[in-house]
Amino acid sequence: MLFSFVRERDQRPVVYQRLRDHVELEQQKDDDVRGLFDGSG
C-alpha cells in the first residue's frame, strides 16, 4: 500500500484514507483494552 502511495499520485487520496482508517482502528483496539490488565479493574 505504501508503494501505491509513493508511485501512483492519483491513488494517494484512496491510499491515505485506508492508512488513516487502519491507524484509527488500531488506536480504537488499544483504547478498548486499555486498563484491562493493569490491576485497576
PDB file of N, CA and C in Angstrom:
ATOM      1  N   MET A   1       0.819  -1.181   0.000  1.00  0.00           N
ATOM      2  CA  MET A   1       0.000   0.000   0.000  1.00  0.00           C
ATOM      3  C   MET A   1       0.873   1.258   0.000  1.00  0.00           C
ATOM      4  N   LEU A   2       1.958   1.214   0.724  1.00  0.00           N
ATOM      5  CA  LEU A   2       2.849   2.364   0.759  1.00  0.00           C
ATOM      6  C   LEU A   2       3.438   2.654  -0.616  1.00  0.00           C
ATOM      7  N   PHE A   3       3.785   1.613  -1.344  1.00  0.00           N
ATOM      8  CA  PHE A   3       4.331   1.814  -2.687  1.00  0.00           C
ATOM      9  C   PHE A   3       3.295   2.467  -3.606  1.00  0.00           C
ATOM     10  N   SER A   4       2.041   2.100  -3.462  1.00  0.00           N
ATOM     11  CA  SER A   4       0.988   2.746  -4.249  1.00  0.00           C
ATOM     12  C   SER A   4       0.921   4.228  -3.930  1.00  0.00           C
ATOM     13  N   PHE A   5       1.068   4.551  -2.662  1.00  0.00           N
ATOM     14  CA  PHE A   5       1.028   5.951  -2.247  1.00  0.00           C
ATOM     15  C   PHE A   5       2.166   6.733  -2.879  1.00  0.00           C
ATOM     16  N   VAL A   6       3.345   6.134  -2.903  1.00  0.00           N
ATOM     17  CA  VAL A   6       4.525   6.822  -3.411  1.00  0.00           C
ATOM     18  C   VAL A   6       4.533   6.871  -4.936  1.00  0.00           C
ATOM     19  N   ARG A   7       4.212   5.772  -5.567  1.00  0.00           N
ATOM     20  CA  ARG A   7       4.349   5.665  -7.025  1.00  0.00           C
ATOM     21  C   ARG A   7       3.156   6.188  -7.811  1.00  0.00           C
ATOM     22  N   GLU A   8       1.967   6.049  -7.283  1.00  0.00           N
ATOM     23  CA  GLU A   8       0.765   6.386  -8.052  1.00  0.00           C
ATOM     24  C   GLU A   8       0.068   7.595  -7.441  1.00  0.00           C
ATOM     25  N   ARG A   9       0.433   8.746  -7.945  1.00  0.00           N
ATOM     26  CA  ARG A   9      -0.070  10.009  -7.398  1.00  0.00           C
ATOM     27  C   ARG A   9      -1.595  10.059  -7.377  1.00  0.00           C
ATOM     28  N   ASP A  10      -2.241   9.539  -8.404  1.00  0.00           N
ATOM     29  CA  ASP A  10      -3.704   9.602  -8.461  1.00  0.00           C
ATOM     30  C   ASP A  10      -4.371   8.702  -7.425  1.00  0.00           C
ATOM     31  N   GLN A  11      -3.629   7.750  -6.862  1.00  0.00           N
ATOM     32  CA  GLN A  11      -4.177   6.844  -5.844  1.00  0.00           C
ATOM     33  C   GLN A  11      -3.936   7.343  -4.418  1.00  0.00           C
ATOM     34  N   ARG A  12      -3.208   8.427  -4.270  1.00  0.00           N
ATOM     35  CA  ARG A  12      -2.839   8.897  -2.935  1.00  0.00           C
ATOM     36  C   ARG A  12      -4.028   9.166  -2.020  1.00  0.00           C
ATOM     37  N   PRO A  13      -5.069   9.828  -2.486  1.00  0.00           N
ATOM     38  CA  PRO A  13      -6.197  10.060  -1.568  1.00  0.00           C
ATOM     39  C   PRO A  13      -6.822   8.751  -1.053  1.00  0.00           C
ATOM     40  N   VAL A  14      -6.937   7.767  -1.907  1.00  0.00           N
ATOM     41  CA  VAL A  14      -7.525   6.483  -1.517  1.00  0.00           C
ATOM     42  C   VAL A  14      -6.610   5.761  -0.536  1.00  0.00           C
ATOM     43  N   VAL A  15      -5.330   5.709  -0.857  1.00  0.00           N
ATOM     44  CA  VAL A  15      -4.362   5.026  -0.003  1.00  0.00           C
ATOM     45  C   VAL A  15      -4.248   5.749   1.335  1.00  0.00           C
ATOM     46  N   TYR A  16      -4.211   7.060   1.309  1.00  0.00           N
ATOM     47  CA  TYR A  16      -4.141   7.842   2.547  1.00  0.00           C
ATOM     48  C   TYR A  16      -5.333   7.532   3.448  1.00  0.00           C
ATOM     49  N   GLN A  17      -6.522   7.497   2.883  1.00  0.00           N
ATOM     50  CA  GLN A  17      -7.718   7.230   3.671  1.00  0.00           C
ATOM     51  C   GLN A  17      -7.676   5.826   4.273  1.00  0.00           C
ATOM     52  N   ARG A  18      -7.228   4.858   3.500  1.00  0.00           N
ATOM     53  CA  ARG A  18      -7.131   3.488   4.016  1.00  0.00           C
ATOM     54  C   ARG A  18      -6.113   3.385   5.142  1.00  0.00           C
ATOM     55  N   LEU A  19      -4.965   4.042   4.978  1.00  0.00           N
ATOM     56  CA  LEU A  19      -3.959   4.031   6.038  1.00  0.00           C
ATOM     57  C   LEU A  19      -4.481   4.729   7.290  1.00  0.00           C
ATOM     58  N   ARG A  20      -5.153   5.841   7.096  1.00  0.00           N
ATOM     59  CA  ARG A  20      -5.720   6.576   8.221  1.00  0.00           C
ATOM     60  C   ARG A  20      -6.768   5.741   8.945  1.00  0.00           C
ATOM     61  N   ASP A  21      -7.633   5.069   8.193  1.00  0.00           N
ATOM     62  CA  ASP A  21      -8.639   4.203   8.794  1.00  0.00           C
ATOM     63  C   ASP A  21      -7.991   3.072   9.582  1.00  0.00           C
ATOM     64  N   HIS A  22      -6.905   2.526   9.037  1.00  0.00           N
ATOM     65  CA  HIS A  22      -6.202   1.436   9.718  1.00  0.00           C
ATOM     66  C   HIS A  22      -5.618   1.921  11.045  1.00  0.00           C
ATOM     67  N   VAL A  23      -5.013   3.085  11.034  1.00  0.00           N
ATOM     68  CA  VAL A  23      -4.427   3.642  12.255  1.00  0.00           C
ATOM     69  C   VAL A  23      -5.526   3.897  13.286  1.00  0.00           C
ATOM     70  N   GLU A  24      -6.633   4.460  12.864  1.00  0.00           N
ATOM     71  CA  GLU A  24      -7.733   4.736  13.784  1.00  0.00           C
ATOM     72  C   GLU A  24      -8.288   3.444  14.382  1.00  0.00           C
ATOM     73  N   LEU A  25      -8.389   2.400  13.579  1.00  0.00           N
ATOM     74  CA  LEU A  25      -8.873   1.111  14.059  1.00  0.00           C
ATOM     75  C   LEU A  25      -7.926   0.533  15.100  1.00  0.00           C
ATOM     76  N   GLU A  26      -6.631   0.612  14.835  1.00  0.00           N
ATOM     77  CA  GLU A  26      -5.651   0.108  15.796  1.00  0.00           C
ATOM     78  C   GLU A  26      -5.686   0.912  17.094  1.00  0.00           C
ATOM     79  N   GLN A  27      -5.871   2.223  16.994  1.00  0.00           N
ATOM     80  CA  GLN A  27      -5.974   3.050  18.193  1.00  0.00           C
ATOM     81  C   GLN A  27      -7.229   2.694  18.985  1.00  0.00           C
ATOM     82  N   GLN A  28      -8.309   2.423  18.276  1.00  0.00           N
ATOM     83  CA  GLN A  28      -9.552   2.040  18.943  1.00  0.00           C
ATOM     84  C   GLN A  28      -9.384   0.709  19.669  1.00  0.00           C
ATOM     85  N   LYS A  29      -8.686  -0.239  19.042  1.00  0.00           N
ATOM     86  CA  LYS A  29      -8.419  -1.518  19.696  1.00  0.00           C
ATOM     87  C   LYS A  29      -7.616  -1.307  20.970  1.00  0.00           C
ATOM     88  N   ASP A  30      -6.601  -0.469  20.897  1.00  0.00           N
ATOM     89  CA  ASP A  30      -5.783  -0.170  22.077  1.00  0.00           C
ATOM     90  C   ASP A  30      -6.634   0.464  23.177  1.00  0.00           C
ATOM     91  N   ASP A  31      -7.500   1.391  22.790  1.00  0.00           N
ATOM     92  CA  ASP A  31      -8.365   2.050  23.768  1.00  0.00           C
ATOM     93  C   ASP A  31      -9.326   1.055  24.415  1.00  0.00           C
ATOM     94  N   ASP A  32      -9.804   0.094  23.625  1.00  0.00           N
ATOM     95  CA  ASP A  32     -10.762  -0.886  24.134  1.00  0.00           C
ATOM     96  C   ASP A  32     -10.162  -1.775  25.222  1.00  0.00           C
ATOM     97  N   VAL A  33      -8.889  -2.070  25.142  1.00  0.00           N
ATOM     98  CA  VAL A  33      -8.268  -2.975  26.121  1.00  0.00           C
ATOM     99  C   VAL A  33      -7.445  -2.239  27.179  1.00  0.00           C
ATOM    100  N   ARG A  34      -7.290  -0.950  27.036  1.00  0.00           N
ATOM    101  CA  ARG A  34      -6.508  -0.182  27.996  1.00  0.00           C
ATOM    102  C   ARG A  34      -7.145  -0.315  29.385  1.00  0.00           C
ATOM    103  N   GLY A  35      -6.338  -0.665  30.343  1.00  0.00           N
ATOM    104  CA  GLY A  35      -6.816  -0.770  31.709  1.00  0.00           C
ATOM    105  C   GLY A  35      -7.312  -2.154  32.110  1.00  0.00           C
ATOM    106  N   LEU A  36      -7.474  -3.046  31.151  1.00  0.00           N
ATOM    107  CA  LEU A  36      -7.984  -4.369  31.481  1.00  0.00           C
ATOM    108  C   LEU A  36      -7.009  -5.201  32.285  1.00  0.00           C
ATOM    109  N   PHE A  37      -5.737  -4.995  32.075  1.00  0.00           N
ATOM    110  CA  PHE A  37      -4.735  -5.863  32.670  1.00  0.00           C
ATOM    111  C   PHE A  37      -3.771  -5.146  33.603  1.00  0.00           C
ATOM    112  N   ASP A  38      -4.142  -3.948  34.030  1.00  0.00           N
ATOM    113  CA  ASP A  38      -3.212  -3.214  34.892  1.00  0.00           C
ATOM    114  C   ASP A  38      -3.592  -3.281  36.372  1.00  0.00           C
ATOM    115  N   GLY A  39      -4.612  -4.048  36.705  1.00  0.00           N
ATOM    116  CA  GLY A  39      -4.980  -4.231  38.098  1.00  0.00           C
ATOM    117  C   GLY A  39      -5.896  -3.171  38.658  1.00  0.00           C
ATOM    118  N   SER A  40      -6.322  -2.230  37.831  1.00  0.00           N
ATOM    119  CA  SER A  40      -7.197  -1.166  38.330  1.00  0.00           C
ATOM    120  C   SER A  40      -8.665  -1.521  38.196  1.00  0.00           C
ATOM    121  N   GLY A  41      -8.956  -2.668  37.575  1.00  0.00           N
ATOM    122  CA  GLY A  41     -10.358  -3.022  37.320  1.00  0.00           C
ATOM    123  C   GLY A  41     -10.875  -3.924  38.316  1.00  0.00           C
TER     124      GLY A  41
END
